[in-house]
Amino acid sequence: MMHLSSPFHTHECSGSCVGTAAGLTAHLFWGFAVLFWPLLSGLSPISIMAHRMIWTVAFLGLVLLARGHMHDVKAALQNRRTLLSLFAAALLLGSNWSIYLFAVTTGQIVESSLGYFITPLLNVLMGRMLLGEKLSRPQAVSLLLAFLGVTASIVAYGRIPWIGLILAFTFAVYGYVQKTLRMDAAPSLFVQALMLMPAAMLWLGLTEEGFGIVGYGPLRPVLLICTIAFTGLPLLLFGYAARHVTLATIGILQYVSPSISFILAITVLGESMKPSDMISFPVIWLALAIYTWDALRHLRSFKEKA
């Protein structure tokens, strides 16, 4: 029986197979999260993000205790280089969450989806520039089309889609940092959330009476605990995937969640596409189609050689 350093054990799948399944599940959670966050509309985006950090620490702490992996946390806290990488990841994660929640709670889900559609192409570019991964001709074409799509959006709409671009940049860099960390997903994410927890507690203590729980009825605490399903759990799955699959595979999986969010935004939540979106989205989707075709072609070729 093959043992994997993860919540998964399998006879048939390799680490890459399980990693792909983990990444897909994480993005399914994130995609449907746009229906959940409006239920916490009484709280500001930063307050919601603070609660996400607190409950992530609680959830991952229990996971680590149950698996007997707290020694990994202790080892990370004693390594200065690892701590710096974890702190950088924590800042990227906190920034990404805050901007995303701002977009969701202010009716800008379509633009946030644009950012996450761009993220896979940034993964390809970073893989080429930082990890020495080869950039195929179709991938180069995909990057060029994505650039043209964003440029068209800026020209047509008259402003830079800053929400989408910040989300794309922070999550792409976060994926890179997670991939280069020599830690399992659970202790890595636990330390990251733990680093941001003091700021989260301070924010809630100064800005939210009763930490945003008192006066909202018995459902509010339950909803806040349920943020684990859209925070700690999918991040644990994503962290595992980031360490066991290529950046190209991460890129393919990365547009599952924005696709779900985009469809829900225009069919369920009542958002409409702006004129600029009519130009940028088709171009970026074309880029993703070319990129996906190329990635699948390489994966099939690799399996045939193996």
Protein backbone atom coordinates (compact mmCIF):
# COMPACT_ATOMS: atom_id res chain seq x y z
CA MET A 1 0.00 0.00 0.00
CA MET A 2 1.42 3.39 -0.96
CA HIS A 3 1.54 5.99 1.80
CA LEU A 4 1.10 9.68 0.97
CA SER A 5 1.83 12.58 3.29
CA SER A 6 -1.71 13.86 2.95
CA PRO A 7 -5.27 13.18 4.11
CA PHE A 8 -5.52 10.67 1.24
CA HIS A 9 -4.49 7.05 0.89
CA THR A 10 -4.97 5.11 -2.33
CA HIS A 11 -3.96 1.86 -3.99
CA GLU A 12 -4.41 2.94 -7.57
CA CYS A 13 -3.59 6.63 -7.92
CA SER A 14 -0.15 8.17 -7.92
CA GLY A 15 0.62 11.34 -5.97
CA SER A 16 -0.07 13.33 -9.13
CA CYS A 17 -3.49 11.73 -9.57
CA VAL A 18 -4.49 12.40 -5.97
CA GLY A 19 -3.04 15.90 -6.23
CA THR A 20 -5.20 16.63 -9.27
CA ALA A 21 -8.32 15.38 -7.45
CA ALA A 22 -7.44 17.49 -4.42
CA GLY A 23 -6.97 20.61 -6.53
CA LEU A 24 -10.24 20.05 -8.39
CA THR A 25 -12.17 19.63 -5.13
CA ALA A 26 -10.64 22.81 -3.72
CA HIS A 27 -11.75 24.82 -6.74
CA LEU A 28 -15.27 23.39 -6.59
CA PHE A 29 -15.55 24.69 -3.02
CA TRP A 30 -14.20 28.11 -4.05
CA GLY A 31 -16.46 28.33 -7.09
CA PHE A 32 -19.67 27.82 -5.13
CA ALA A 33 -18.47 30.09 -2.29
CA VAL A 34 -19.96 33.13 -4.07
CA LEU A 35 -23.36 31.90 -2.90
CA PHE A 36 -22.17 31.65 0.71
CA TRP A 37 -20.36 34.95 1.39
CA PRO A 38 -23.44 37.19 0.90
CA LEU A 39 -24.97 35.41 3.91
CA LEU A 40 -22.39 37.31 6.01
CA SER A 41 -23.24 40.68 4.44
CA GLY A 42 -23.53 42.32 7.87
CA LEU A 43 -19.75 42.08 8.25
CA SER A 44 -17.12 44.04 6.32
CA PRO A 45 -14.85 42.08 3.91
CA ILE A 46 -11.88 42.49 6.26
CA SER A 47 -13.93 41.23 9.22
CA ILE A 48 -15.00 38.18 7.22
CA MET A 49 -11.37 37.60 6.28
CA ALA A 50 -10.38 37.88 9.96
CA HIS A 51 -12.92 35.24 10.93
CA ARG A 52 -11.65 33.02 8.12
CA MET A 53 -8.16 33.21 9.60
CA ILE A 54 -9.34 32.42 13.13
CA TRP A 55 -11.41 29.41 12.10
CA THR A 56 -8.66 28.20 9.77
CA VAL A 57 -6.23 28.14 12.69
CA ALA A 58 -8.74 26.19 14.80
CA PHE A 59 -9.50 23.69 12.01
CA LEU A 60 -5.90 23.06 10.96
CA GLY A 61 -4.76 22.90 14.57
CA LEU A 62 -7.17 20.01 15.16
CA VAL A 63 -6.03 18.32 11.92
CA LEU A 64 -2.37 18.55 12.95
CA LEU A 65 -3.03 17.31 16.49
CA ALA A 66 -5.07 14.38 15.18
CA ARG A 67 -2.27 13.41 12.77
CA GLY A 68 0.53 14.06 15.25
CA HIS A 69 2.25 16.59 12.97
CA MET A 70 2.73 19.51 15.34
CA HIS A 71 6.46 18.79 15.22
CA ASP A 72 6.42 20.09 11.62
CA VAL A 73 5.10 23.41 12.89
CA LYS A 74 7.80 23.58 15.55
CA ALA A 75 10.50 22.85 12.96
CA ALA A 76 9.18 25.59 10.67
CA LEU A 77 9.15 28.14 13.49
CA GLN A 78 12.83 27.41 14.13
CA ASN A 79 13.93 27.93 10.51
CA ARG A 80 14.35 31.60 9.58
CA ARG A 81 14.28 31.03 5.81
CA THR A 82 11.12 28.94 6.03
CA LEU A 83 9.49 31.54 8.28
CA LEU A 84 10.19 34.30 5.75
CA SER A 85 8.61 32.24 2.96
CA LEU A 86 5.60 31.44 5.14
CA PHE A 87 5.20 35.10 6.07
CA ALA A 88 5.29 36.12 2.41
CA ALA A 89 2.67 33.46 1.64
CA ALA A 90 0.52 34.68 4.54
CA LEU A 91 0.58 38.28 3.26
CA LEU A 92 -0.32 37.13 -0.26
CA LEU A 93 -3.14 34.98 1.08
CA GLY A 94 -4.55 37.73 3.31
CA SER A 95 -4.43 40.25 0.47
CA ASN A 96 -6.11 37.86 -1.96
CA TRP A 97 -8.89 37.00 0.48
CA SER A 98 -9.60 40.63 1.33
CA ILE A 99 -9.82 41.80 -2.29
CA TYR A 100 -11.92 38.77 -3.26
CA LEU A 101 -14.40 39.32 -0.43
CA PHE A 102 -14.61 43.00 -1.34
CA ALA A 103 -15.47 42.00 -4.91
CA VAL A 104 -18.08 39.44 -3.87
CA THR A 105 -19.81 41.68 -1.33
CA THR A 106 -19.92 44.68 -3.70
CA GLY A 107 -21.34 42.87 -6.73
CA GLN A 108 -18.11 42.59 -8.74
CA ILE A 109 -17.90 38.82 -9.08
CA VAL A 110 -17.50 39.00 -12.86
CA GLU A 111 -14.34 41.10 -12.53
CA SER A 112 -12.99 38.81 -9.82
CA SER A 113 -13.58 35.89 -12.21
CA LEU A 114 -11.53 37.73 -14.83
CA GLY A 115 -8.62 37.77 -12.39
CA TYR A 116 -8.79 34.08 -11.68
CA PHE A 117 -9.07 33.33 -15.41
CA ILE A 118 -5.76 35.17 -15.88
CA THR A 119 -4.08 33.30 -12.99
CA PRO A 120 -3.36 30.05 -14.92
CA LEU A 121 -1.52 31.98 -17.60
CA LEU A 122 0.55 33.74 -14.95
CA ASN A 123 1.37 30.28 -13.56
CA VAL A 124 2.79 29.34 -16.96
CA LEU A 125 4.83 32.55 -17.16
CA MET A 126 6.18 32.12 -13.62
CA GLY A 127 7.00 28.50 -14.28
CA ARG A 128 9.10 29.65 -17.24
CA MET A 129 10.79 32.57 -15.50
CA LEU A 130 11.27 31.18 -11.98
CA LEU A 131 11.38 27.40 -12.30
CA GLY A 132 12.93 27.03 -15.75
CA GLU A 133 9.89 25.23 -17.18
CA LYS A 134 9.86 25.33 -20.98
CA LEU A 135 7.32 27.59 -22.66
CA SER A 136 5.79 25.98 -25.73
CA ARG A 137 4.62 27.98 -28.71
CA PRO A 138 0.91 27.50 -27.87
CA GLN A 139 1.59 28.67 -24.31
CA ALA A 140 3.33 31.76 -25.65
CA VAL A 141 0.31 32.44 -27.86
CA SER A 142 -1.97 32.00 -24.83
CA LEU A 143 -0.01 34.56 -22.82
CA LEU A 144 -0.12 37.02 -25.72
CA LEU A 145 -3.90 36.59 -26.10
CA ALA A 146 -4.44 37.08 -22.37
CA PHE A 147 -2.42 40.29 -22.51
CA LEU A 148 -4.51 41.48 -25.47
CA GLY A 149 -7.72 40.57 -23.63
CA VAL A 150 -6.81 42.60 -20.55
CA THR A 151 -5.63 45.48 -22.75
CA ALA A 152 -8.93 45.42 -24.65
CA SER A 153 -10.80 45.54 -21.35
CA ILE A 154 -8.82 48.59 -20.24
CA VAL A 155 -9.43 50.40 -23.54
CA ALA A 156 -13.15 49.52 -23.75
CA TYR A 157 -14.01 50.17 -20.13
CA GLY A 158 -11.69 53.11 -19.61
CA ARG A 159 -10.01 51.84 -16.48
CA ILE A 160 -7.64 49.15 -15.28
CA PRO A 161 -9.53 46.10 -13.87
CA TRP A 162 -7.49 46.35 -10.67
CA ILE A 163 -9.54 43.83 -8.72
CA GLY A 164 -8.97 41.13 -11.31
CA LEU A 165 -5.28 41.92 -11.78
CA ILE A 166 -4.50 41.97 -8.03
CA LEU A 167 -6.36 38.69 -7.51
CA ALA A 168 -4.47 37.10 -10.41
CA PHE A 169 -1.06 38.30 -9.23
CA THR A 170 -1.46 37.45 -5.54
CA PHE A 171 -2.85 33.96 -6.12
CA ALA A 172 -0.32 33.09 -8.83
CA VAL A 173 2.58 34.11 -6.60
CA TYR A 174 0.97 32.33 -3.66
CA GLY A 175 0.81 29.12 -5.70
CA TYR A 176 4.49 29.50 -6.56
CA VAL A 177 5.50 30.03 -2.93
CA GLN A 178 3.43 27.01 -1.85
CA LYS A 179 5.13 24.89 -4.51
CA THR A 180 8.62 25.88 -3.37
CA LEU A 181 7.96 25.41 0.36
CA ARG A 182 9.40 22.19 1.72
CA MET A 183 6.48 21.59 4.04
CA ASP A 184 3.30 19.56 3.97
CA ALA A 185 0.15 21.55 3.25
CA ALA A 186 -1.46 21.42 6.71
CA PRO A 187 1.45 22.76 8.84
CA SER A 188 2.29 25.32 6.15
CA LEU A 189 -1.23 26.75 6.07
CA PHE A 190 -1.54 26.57 9.85
CA VAL A 191 1.57 28.72 10.35
CA GLN A 192 0.42 31.19 7.67
CA ALA A 193 -2.97 31.65 9.31
CA LEU A 194 -1.35 31.78 12.75
CA MET A 195 0.86 34.66 11.60
CA LEU A 196 -2.20 36.68 10.55
CA MET A 197 -4.34 35.72 13.54
CA PRO A 198 -3.12 38.50 15.91
CA ALA A 199 -4.03 41.15 13.31
CA ALA A 200 -7.38 39.43 12.77
CA MET A 201 -8.16 39.40 16.49
CA LEU A 202 -7.11 43.04 16.85
CA TRP A 203 -9.28 44.12 13.91
CA LEU A 204 -12.36 42.34 15.22
CA GLY A 205 -11.76 43.59 18.74
CA LEU A 206 -11.55 47.22 17.62
CA THR A 207 -14.15 47.33 14.85
CA GLU A 208 -16.79 44.66 15.47
CA GLU A 209 -18.85 44.71 18.66
CA GLY A 210 -18.99 41.19 20.03
CA PHE A 211 -16.61 40.11 17.24
CA GLY A 212 -19.48 40.37 14.77
CA ILE A 213 -21.49 37.65 16.52
CA VAL A 214 -23.53 39.39 19.23
CA GLY A 215 -26.90 40.68 18.05
CA TYR A 216 -27.06 38.68 14.81
CA GLY A 217 -28.96 35.66 16.09
CA PRO A 218 -27.87 32.03 16.56
CA LEU A 219 -27.29 31.48 12.82
CA ARG A 220 -24.32 33.88 12.61
CA PRO A 221 -21.88 31.75 14.70
CA VAL A 222 -22.85 28.68 12.66
CA LEU A 223 -22.17 30.53 9.40
CA LEU A 224 -18.80 31.73 10.66
CA ILE A 225 -17.80 28.20 11.60
CA CYS A 226 -18.92 27.07 8.13
CA THR A 227 -16.28 29.38 6.59
CA ILE A 228 -13.94 26.43 7.21
CA ALA A 229 -15.58 24.68 4.24
CA PHE A 230 -14.51 27.54 1.96
CA THR A 231 -11.19 28.35 3.63
CA GLY A 232 -9.21 25.83 5.66
CA LEU A 233 -10.43 22.70 3.86
CA PRO A 234 -9.94 23.85 0.24
CA LEU A 235 -6.64 25.53 1.10
CA LEU A 236 -5.44 22.27 2.61
CA LEU A 237 -6.42 20.50 -0.61
CA PHE A 238 -4.85 23.21 -2.80
CA GLY A 239 -1.63 23.18 -0.77
CA TYR A 240 -1.33 19.44 -1.30
CA ALA A 241 -2.04 19.79 -5.01
CA ALA A 242 0.52 22.59 -5.40
CA ARG A 243 3.27 20.31 -4.08
CA HIS A 244 2.37 17.21 -6.10
CA VAL A 245 1.43 18.41 -9.58
CA THR A 246 3.07 20.66 -12.15
CA LEU A 247 2.30 24.36 -12.44
CA ALA A 248 0.67 23.55 -15.78
CA THR A 249 -1.80 21.22 -14.07
CA ILE A 250 -2.42 23.79 -11.35
CA GLY A 251 -3.13 26.25 -14.14
CA ILE A 252 -5.73 24.00 -15.78
CA LEU A 253 -7.53 23.43 -12.48
CA GLN A 254 -7.33 27.10 -11.60
CA TYR A 255 -10.12 28.20 -13.90
CA VAL A 256 -12.69 25.71 -12.56
CA SER A 257 -13.63 28.06 -9.69
CA PRO A 258 -13.88 31.30 -11.74
CA SER A 259 -15.97 29.48 -14.33
CA ILE A 260 -18.45 28.42 -11.64
CA SER A 261 -18.40 31.89 -10.05
CA PHE A 262 -18.91 33.60 -13.40
CA ILE A 263 -21.89 31.40 -14.33
CA LEU A 264 -23.49 31.87 -10.90
CA ALA A 265 -22.90 35.64 -11.03
CA ILE A 266 -24.81 36.16 -14.29
CA THR A 267 -27.49 33.47 -13.77
CA VAL A 268 -28.23 33.49 -10.04
CA LEU A 269 -26.83 36.68 -8.51
CA GLY A 270 -28.07 39.05 -11.20
CA GLU A 271 -24.78 40.58 -12.35
CA SER A 272 -24.49 41.72 -15.94
CA MET A 273 -21.48 41.72 -18.23
CA LYS A 274 -20.03 45.13 -19.10
CA PRO A 275 -19.23 46.02 -22.74
CA SER A 276 -15.54 45.54 -21.96
CA ASP A 277 -16.25 42.03 -20.66
CA MET A 278 -17.77 41.13 -24.03
CA ILE A 279 -14.32 41.70 -25.53
CA SER A 280 -11.91 40.54 -22.84
CA PHE A 281 -13.61 37.33 -21.73
CA PRO A 282 -13.86 35.67 -25.18
CA VAL A 283 -10.20 36.50 -25.89
CA ILE A 284 -9.06 35.13 -22.54
CA TRP A 285 -11.24 32.04 -22.95
CA LEU A 286 -9.60 31.45 -26.32
CA ALA A 287 -6.20 31.76 -24.62
CA LEU A 288 -7.27 29.23 -21.98
CA ALA A 289 -8.57 26.83 -24.64
CA ILE A 290 -5.22 26.91 -26.47
CA TYR A 291 -3.34 26.56 -23.21
CA THR A 292 -5.48 23.62 -22.03
CA TRP A 293 -5.16 21.82 -25.36
CA ASP A 294 -1.38 22.18 -25.21
CA ALA A 295 -1.16 21.06 -21.58
CA LEU A 296 -3.33 17.98 -22.19
CA ARG A 297 -1.29 17.14 -25.29
CA HIS A 298 1.91 17.19 -23.25
CA LEU A 299 0.38 15.14 -20.43
CA ARG A 300 -0.82 12.50 -22.92
CA SER A 301 2.62 12.41 -24.55
CA PHE A 302 4.29 12.01 -21.15
CA LYS A 303 1.99 9.11 -20.19
CA GLU A 304 2.68 7.35 -23.50
CA LYS A 305 6.45 7.60 -22.94
CA ALA A 306 6.06 6.35 -19.36
